Amino acid sequence: MGALVFFFFYGSIIFFAVAVALRVVRTVKTPVHLHWELYKGSSVYELTDWWTRTCKTFGEKLWSVVLDIATLREFYHRNRRFWYPLFLFHTGLYLLILWHAWLFLRSVVMNVETASFFGWAWGTFATLQTFVGGSVILWMRMTDEDLKVHYPPIHTIKWVFVLLTLLGGVYAVDVHFGSKMPALLRYVREQVTFANFEHKLHPAFGPALHIAFASAWLIYLPFSHVFGVFFRYYHTLQWDDVPNVRGSEIERRVGEQLEWPVTWSGPHVPPGKRWKEVASKL
């Protein structure tokens, strides 16, 4: 059983990296015309002279991403009531991610025996904040008729799994390790440096449970709506506001795609044609 957890965890890390890389490549190679179906309302394309305006710089686009991720500003303006638990959950989640990064770094570069109460307080506060925010989100999605329309039942299962993952972390830290940071950091150091391979093949129930939850998330995330929103929204909606001018990259891509064979047919689209032949007759 321990060996299964070991291979499941490290296999999920490799799977996550490969799946994300493939999604990035697939998104970048998306045909230009498919972007048209994804544009949101109130975009730059509603302006009659949008191509005369200066395109956003990379720094401006990056800052826009930071604001969206850090403040969830779209929810703030569109659904203030739902924004409160969302902001509580996401800020708690960001603190948890930073806490895990701190655990990895602290366990390797410093003496774990000198760890103070601060690390436990940080992790506990972030977990509690994330759990409260997630619980309210789950409750609202189950009871709010407007939210039910936009979120299928699978989202309810996902949020239950989120809460179970957080509880699994609490069990590992506070029950198995007894809320003792030196013990937790020793375990983390063993995992990072492969210092005790026996613990990997025969993990205790608490750490194994939390690792199993984390592995399941690594497998799920590349196919989740979270990554889908990020890839579609930022790559093709927020950032794809470059006009098609002579000699541009867009013109080159459109020229290549017009030479593609048509892979579907209909009363108005005979088979065996290229895109540009069909487009010129419509």
Protein backbone atom coordinates (compact mmCIF):
# COMPACT_ATOMS: atom_id res chain seq x y z
CA MET A 1 0.00 0.00 0.00
CA GLY A 2 2.85 2.37 0.85
CA ALA A 3 4.50 1.74 -2.50
CA LEU A 4 1.22 2.55 -4.23
CA VAL A 5 1.01 5.90 -2.41
CA PHE A 6 4.64 6.60 -3.31
CA PHE A 7 4.19 5.97 -7.03
CA PHE A 8 0.79 7.67 -7.07
CA PHE A 9 2.24 10.86 -5.56
CA TYR A 10 5.36 11.19 -7.72
CA GLY A 11 3.51 9.93 -10.75
CA SER A 12 0.87 12.64 -10.23
CA ILE A 13 3.59 15.31 -10.16
CA ILE A 14 4.98 14.11 -13.50
CA PHE A 15 1.47 13.79 -14.92
CA PHE A 16 0.61 17.33 -13.81
CA ALA A 17 3.72 18.84 -15.45
CA VAL A 18 3.19 16.98 -18.73
CA ALA A 19 -0.56 17.66 -18.89
CA VAL A 20 -0.10 21.40 -18.26
CA ALA A 21 2.64 21.61 -20.88
CA LEU A 22 0.41 19.88 -23.44
CA ARG A 23 -2.49 22.21 -22.67
CA VAL A 24 -0.27 25.25 -23.09
CA VAL A 25 0.96 24.00 -26.46
CA ARG A 26 -2.58 23.13 -27.56
CA THR A 27 -3.86 26.58 -26.56
CA VAL A 28 -1.08 28.42 -28.35
CA LYS A 29 -1.73 26.40 -31.51
CA THR A 30 -5.48 27.01 -31.45
CA PRO A 31 -6.67 28.22 -34.88
CA VAL A 32 -7.14 31.98 -34.95
CA HIS A 33 -10.79 31.81 -35.97
CA LEU A 34 -11.76 29.81 -32.89
CA HIS A 35 -10.85 32.77 -30.70
CA TRP A 36 -13.82 34.64 -32.10
CA GLU A 37 -16.21 32.32 -30.29
CA LEU A 38 -14.65 33.07 -26.90
CA TYR A 39 -14.69 36.85 -26.66
CA LYS A 40 -16.55 38.23 -23.67
CA GLY A 41 -18.78 41.29 -23.61
CA SER A 42 -17.34 44.78 -23.25
CA SER A 43 -14.19 43.93 -25.15
CA VAL A 44 -11.89 46.17 -27.15
CA TYR A 45 -13.50 44.88 -30.36
CA GLU A 46 -16.68 46.83 -29.63
CA LEU A 47 -14.81 50.03 -30.49
CA THR A 48 -15.01 51.06 -34.14
CA ASP A 49 -11.37 52.20 -34.17
CA TRP A 50 -9.88 49.62 -31.83
CA TRP A 51 -6.95 48.85 -34.15
CA THR A 52 -5.71 52.45 -33.93
CA ARG A 53 -5.24 52.23 -30.18
CA THR A 54 -1.96 51.29 -28.56
CA CYS A 55 -1.80 47.61 -27.56
CA LYS A 56 -1.18 46.78 -23.92
CA THR A 57 2.41 46.09 -22.97
CA PHE A 58 3.45 42.81 -21.41
CA GLY A 59 3.82 44.56 -18.05
CA GLU A 60 0.27 45.92 -18.24
CA LYS A 61 -1.09 42.50 -19.13
CA LEU A 62 0.86 40.85 -16.33
CA TRP A 63 -0.38 43.41 -13.81
CA SER A 64 -3.94 42.76 -15.00
CA VAL A 65 -3.45 39.06 -14.28
CA VAL A 66 -2.08 39.81 -10.81
CA LEU A 67 -5.08 42.01 -10.00
CA ASP A 68 -7.54 39.41 -11.26
CA ILE A 69 -5.94 36.60 -9.28
CA ALA A 70 -5.30 38.58 -6.10
CA THR A 71 -8.59 40.48 -5.84
CA LEU A 72 -11.11 38.52 -7.98
CA ARG A 73 -12.29 41.91 -9.16
CA GLU A 74 -14.75 40.58 -11.73
CA PHE A 75 -16.73 38.87 -8.96
CA TYR A 76 -16.46 42.01 -6.84
CA HIS A 77 -18.21 44.07 -9.50
CA ARG A 78 -20.69 41.43 -10.70
CA ASN A 79 -21.70 39.53 -7.54
CA ARG A 80 -20.52 41.24 -4.38
CA ARG A 81 -22.32 38.77 -2.08
CA PHE A 82 -20.54 35.80 -3.64
CA TRP A 83 -17.24 37.68 -3.77
CA TYR A 84 -16.80 37.73 0.03
CA PRO A 85 -16.47 33.95 0.55
CA LEU A 86 -14.56 33.62 -2.72
CA PHE A 87 -12.02 36.20 -1.59
CA LEU A 88 -11.77 34.58 1.84
CA PHE A 89 -11.19 31.16 0.29
CA HIS A 90 -8.65 32.27 -2.32
CA THR A 91 -6.57 34.44 -0.01
CA GLY A 92 -6.47 31.54 2.44
CA LEU A 93 -5.45 29.23 -0.39
CA TYR A 94 -2.64 31.59 -1.44
CA LEU A 95 -1.42 31.64 2.18
CA LEU A 96 -1.48 27.83 2.22
CA ILE A 97 0.54 27.62 -0.99
CA LEU A 98 3.10 30.04 0.44
CA TRP A 99 3.14 28.05 3.68
CA HIS A 100 3.95 24.83 1.83
CA ALA A 101 6.72 26.59 -0.08
CA TRP A 102 8.05 27.87 3.25
CA LEU A 103 7.93 24.33 4.66
CA PHE A 104 10.04 22.98 1.80
CA LEU A 105 12.58 25.79 2.02
CA ARG A 106 12.72 25.91 5.83
CA SER A 107 13.17 22.17 6.15
CA VAL A 108 16.22 22.14 3.84
CA VAL A 109 18.16 25.32 4.56
CA MET A 110 17.67 25.73 8.33
CA ASN A 111 17.83 23.68 11.50
CA VAL A 112 14.39 22.11 11.88
CA GLU A 113 14.80 21.68 15.64
CA THR A 114 14.69 25.46 16.15
CA ALA A 115 11.31 25.85 14.44
CA SER A 116 8.96 28.09 16.40
CA PHE A 117 5.22 28.29 16.94
CA PHE A 118 4.97 30.73 14.04
CA GLY A 119 4.93 28.03 11.35
CA TRP A 120 2.06 26.14 12.97
CA ALA A 121 0.06 29.35 13.52
CA TRP A 122 0.52 30.35 9.87
CA GLY A 123 -0.62 27.00 8.51
CA THR A 124 -3.54 26.72 10.93
CA PHE A 125 -4.82 30.24 10.21
CA ALA A 126 -4.57 29.71 6.43
CA THR A 127 -6.33 26.34 6.66
CA LEU A 128 -9.12 27.72 8.83
CA GLN A 129 -9.64 30.70 6.53
CA THR A 130 -9.72 28.48 3.44
CA PHE A 131 -12.10 26.01 5.10
CA VAL A 132 -14.56 28.73 6.18
CA GLY A 133 -14.52 30.35 2.75
CA GLY A 134 -14.93 27.01 1.00
CA SER A 135 -17.80 25.97 3.29
CA VAL A 136 -19.72 29.18 2.56
CA ILE A 137 -19.09 28.80 -1.18
CA LEU A 138 -20.42 25.22 -1.06
CA TRP A 139 -23.48 26.32 0.89
CA MET A 140 -24.22 29.19 -1.49
CA ARG A 141 -23.84 27.01 -4.56
CA MET A 142 -26.26 24.48 -3.09
CA THR A 143 -28.89 27.01 -1.99
CA ASP A 144 -28.63 30.00 -4.34
CA GLU A 145 -30.87 29.47 -7.37
CA ASP A 146 -28.86 31.89 -9.54
CA LEU A 147 -25.59 30.08 -8.83
CA LYS A 148 -27.16 26.66 -9.45
CA VAL A 149 -27.78 27.63 -13.05
CA HIS A 150 -24.06 28.21 -13.70
CA TYR A 151 -22.57 25.36 -11.66
CA PRO A 152 -23.39 21.69 -12.41
CA PRO A 153 -23.54 19.08 -9.60
CA ILE A 154 -19.92 18.04 -10.23
CA HIS A 155 -18.88 21.35 -8.66
CA THR A 156 -20.58 20.34 -5.43
CA ILE A 157 -18.52 17.15 -5.35
CA LYS A 158 -15.39 19.17 -6.04
CA TRP A 159 -15.99 21.53 -3.14
CA VAL A 160 -16.71 18.65 -0.77
CA PHE A 161 -13.39 17.16 -1.86
CA VAL A 162 -11.69 20.52 -1.20
CA LEU A 163 -12.98 20.54 2.37
CA LEU A 164 -11.94 16.90 2.91
CA THR A 165 -8.45 17.74 1.65
CA LEU A 166 -8.18 20.55 4.19
CA LEU A 167 -9.40 18.27 6.97
CA GLY A 168 -6.84 15.69 5.88
CA GLY A 169 -4.11 18.30 6.26
CA VAL A 170 -5.35 19.19 9.75
CA TYR A 171 -5.34 15.51 10.71
CA ALA A 172 -1.77 15.05 9.45
CA VAL A 173 -0.38 18.15 11.18
CA ASP A 174 -2.33 18.24 14.43
CA VAL A 175 -3.02 14.55 15.08
CA HIS A 176 -0.14 12.66 13.50
CA PHE A 177 2.57 15.27 14.18
CA GLY A 178 0.89 16.61 17.31
CA SER A 179 1.13 20.24 16.08
CA LYS A 180 4.91 20.03 16.53
CA MET A 181 6.74 21.94 13.80
CA PRO A 182 10.14 20.20 14.26
CA ALA A 183 8.49 16.80 13.67
CA LEU A 184 6.62 18.09 10.61
CA LEU A 185 9.74 19.74 9.17
CA ARG A 186 11.78 16.57 9.69
CA TYR A 187 9.19 14.66 7.69
CA VAL A 188 9.15 17.30 4.94
CA ARG A 189 12.94 17.26 4.74
CA GLU A 190 12.89 13.48 4.33
CA GLN A 191 10.41 13.82 1.48
CA VAL A 192 12.37 16.57 -0.28
CA THR A 193 15.84 15.04 0.11
CA PHE A 194 14.86 11.33 -0.04
CA ALA A 195 16.71 10.92 3.25
CA ASN A 196 14.51 8.09 4.52
CA PHE A 197 13.17 6.00 1.67
CA GLU A 198 11.51 3.63 4.10
CA HIS A 199 9.07 6.36 5.15
CA LYS A 200 8.08 6.78 1.52
CA LEU A 201 7.31 3.10 1.02
CA HIS A 202 5.62 2.72 4.42
CA PRO A 203 4.04 6.10 5.27
CA ALA A 204 1.86 6.61 8.32
CA PHE A 205 -1.88 6.97 7.78
CA GLY A 206 -2.04 10.74 8.37
CA PRO A 207 0.65 11.81 5.88
CA ALA A 208 -0.45 9.12 3.38
CA LEU A 209 -4.03 10.41 3.47
CA HIS A 210 -2.97 14.00 2.81
CA ILE A 211 -0.58 12.92 0.04
CA ALA A 212 -3.39 10.93 -1.61
CA PHE A 213 -5.63 14.02 -1.61
CA ALA A 214 -2.82 16.18 -3.03
CA SER A 215 -2.10 13.63 -5.76
CA ALA A 216 -5.74 13.52 -6.80
CA TRP A 217 -5.74 17.32 -7.15
CA LEU A 218 -2.59 17.26 -9.27
CA ILE A 219 -4.28 14.83 -11.66
CA TYR A 220 -7.53 16.80 -11.76
CA LEU A 221 -6.27 20.38 -12.06
CA PRO A 222 -4.94 20.30 -15.67
CA PHE A 223 -8.46 19.39 -16.84
CA SER A 224 -10.36 21.62 -14.43
CA HIS A 225 -12.34 24.71 -15.37
CA VAL A 226 -9.77 26.76 -13.43
CA PHE A 227 -7.02 26.01 -15.93
CA GLY A 228 -9.48 26.22 -18.80
CA VAL A 229 -10.52 29.71 -17.76
CA PHE A 230 -6.89 30.78 -17.38
CA PHE A 231 -5.77 29.49 -20.77
CA ARG A 232 -8.79 30.74 -22.69
CA TYR A 233 -9.34 33.99 -20.86
CA TYR A 234 -5.82 35.33 -20.70
CA HIS A 235 -4.43 33.90 -23.90
CA THR A 236 -7.31 34.52 -26.28
CA LEU A 237 -9.47 37.17 -24.61
CA GLN A 238 -7.44 39.55 -22.52
CA TRP A 239 -4.26 39.43 -24.56
CA ASP A 240 -5.41 38.78 -28.12
CA ASP A 241 -6.03 42.41 -29.06
CA VAL A 242 -3.30 42.77 -31.70
CA PRO A 243 -4.56 44.06 -35.09
CA ASN A 244 -3.94 42.00 -38.22
CA VAL A 245 -1.60 44.13 -40.35
CA ARG A 246 0.52 43.35 -43.39
CA GLY A 247 3.46 41.11 -42.56
CA SER A 248 2.23 40.32 -39.04
CA GLU A 249 2.27 36.96 -37.27
CA ILE A 250 -1.53 36.89 -37.42
CA GLU A 251 -1.48 37.30 -41.20
CA ARG A 252 1.00 34.44 -41.51
CA ARG A 253 -1.13 32.14 -39.34
CA VAL A 254 -4.33 33.03 -41.18
CA GLY A 255 -2.59 32.35 -44.50
CA GLU A 256 -1.49 28.91 -43.32
CA GLN A 257 -4.91 28.02 -41.96
CA LEU A 258 -6.68 29.08 -45.15
CA GLU A 259 -4.72 26.33 -46.90
CA TRP A 260 -6.05 23.65 -44.54
CA PRO A 261 -8.46 21.08 -46.04
CA VAL A 262 -12.08 21.31 -44.90
CA THR A 263 -12.80 18.30 -42.69
CA TRP A 264 -16.57 18.70 -42.60
CA SER A 265 -19.28 19.20 -45.20
CA GLY A 266 -22.82 20.46 -45.61
CA PRO A 267 -25.29 21.56 -48.28
CA HIS A 268 -23.32 24.80 -48.71
CA VAL A 269 -19.83 23.35 -48.11
CA PRO A 270 -18.73 20.62 -50.53
CA PRO A 271 -16.00 18.25 -49.29
CA GLY A 272 -12.47 18.22 -50.67
CA LYS A 273 -12.04 22.00 -50.59
CA ARG A 274 -9.61 24.22 -48.76
CA TRP A 275 -10.71 26.84 -46.27
CA LYS A 276 -9.97 29.76 -48.56
CA GLU A 277 -12.01 28.20 -51.39
CA VAL A 278 -15.01 27.79 -49.12
CA ALA A 279 -14.61 31.24 -47.56
CA SER A 280 -14.42 32.95 -50.96
CA LYS A 281 -17.80 31.48 -51.99
CA LEU A 282 -19.79 32.19 -48.81
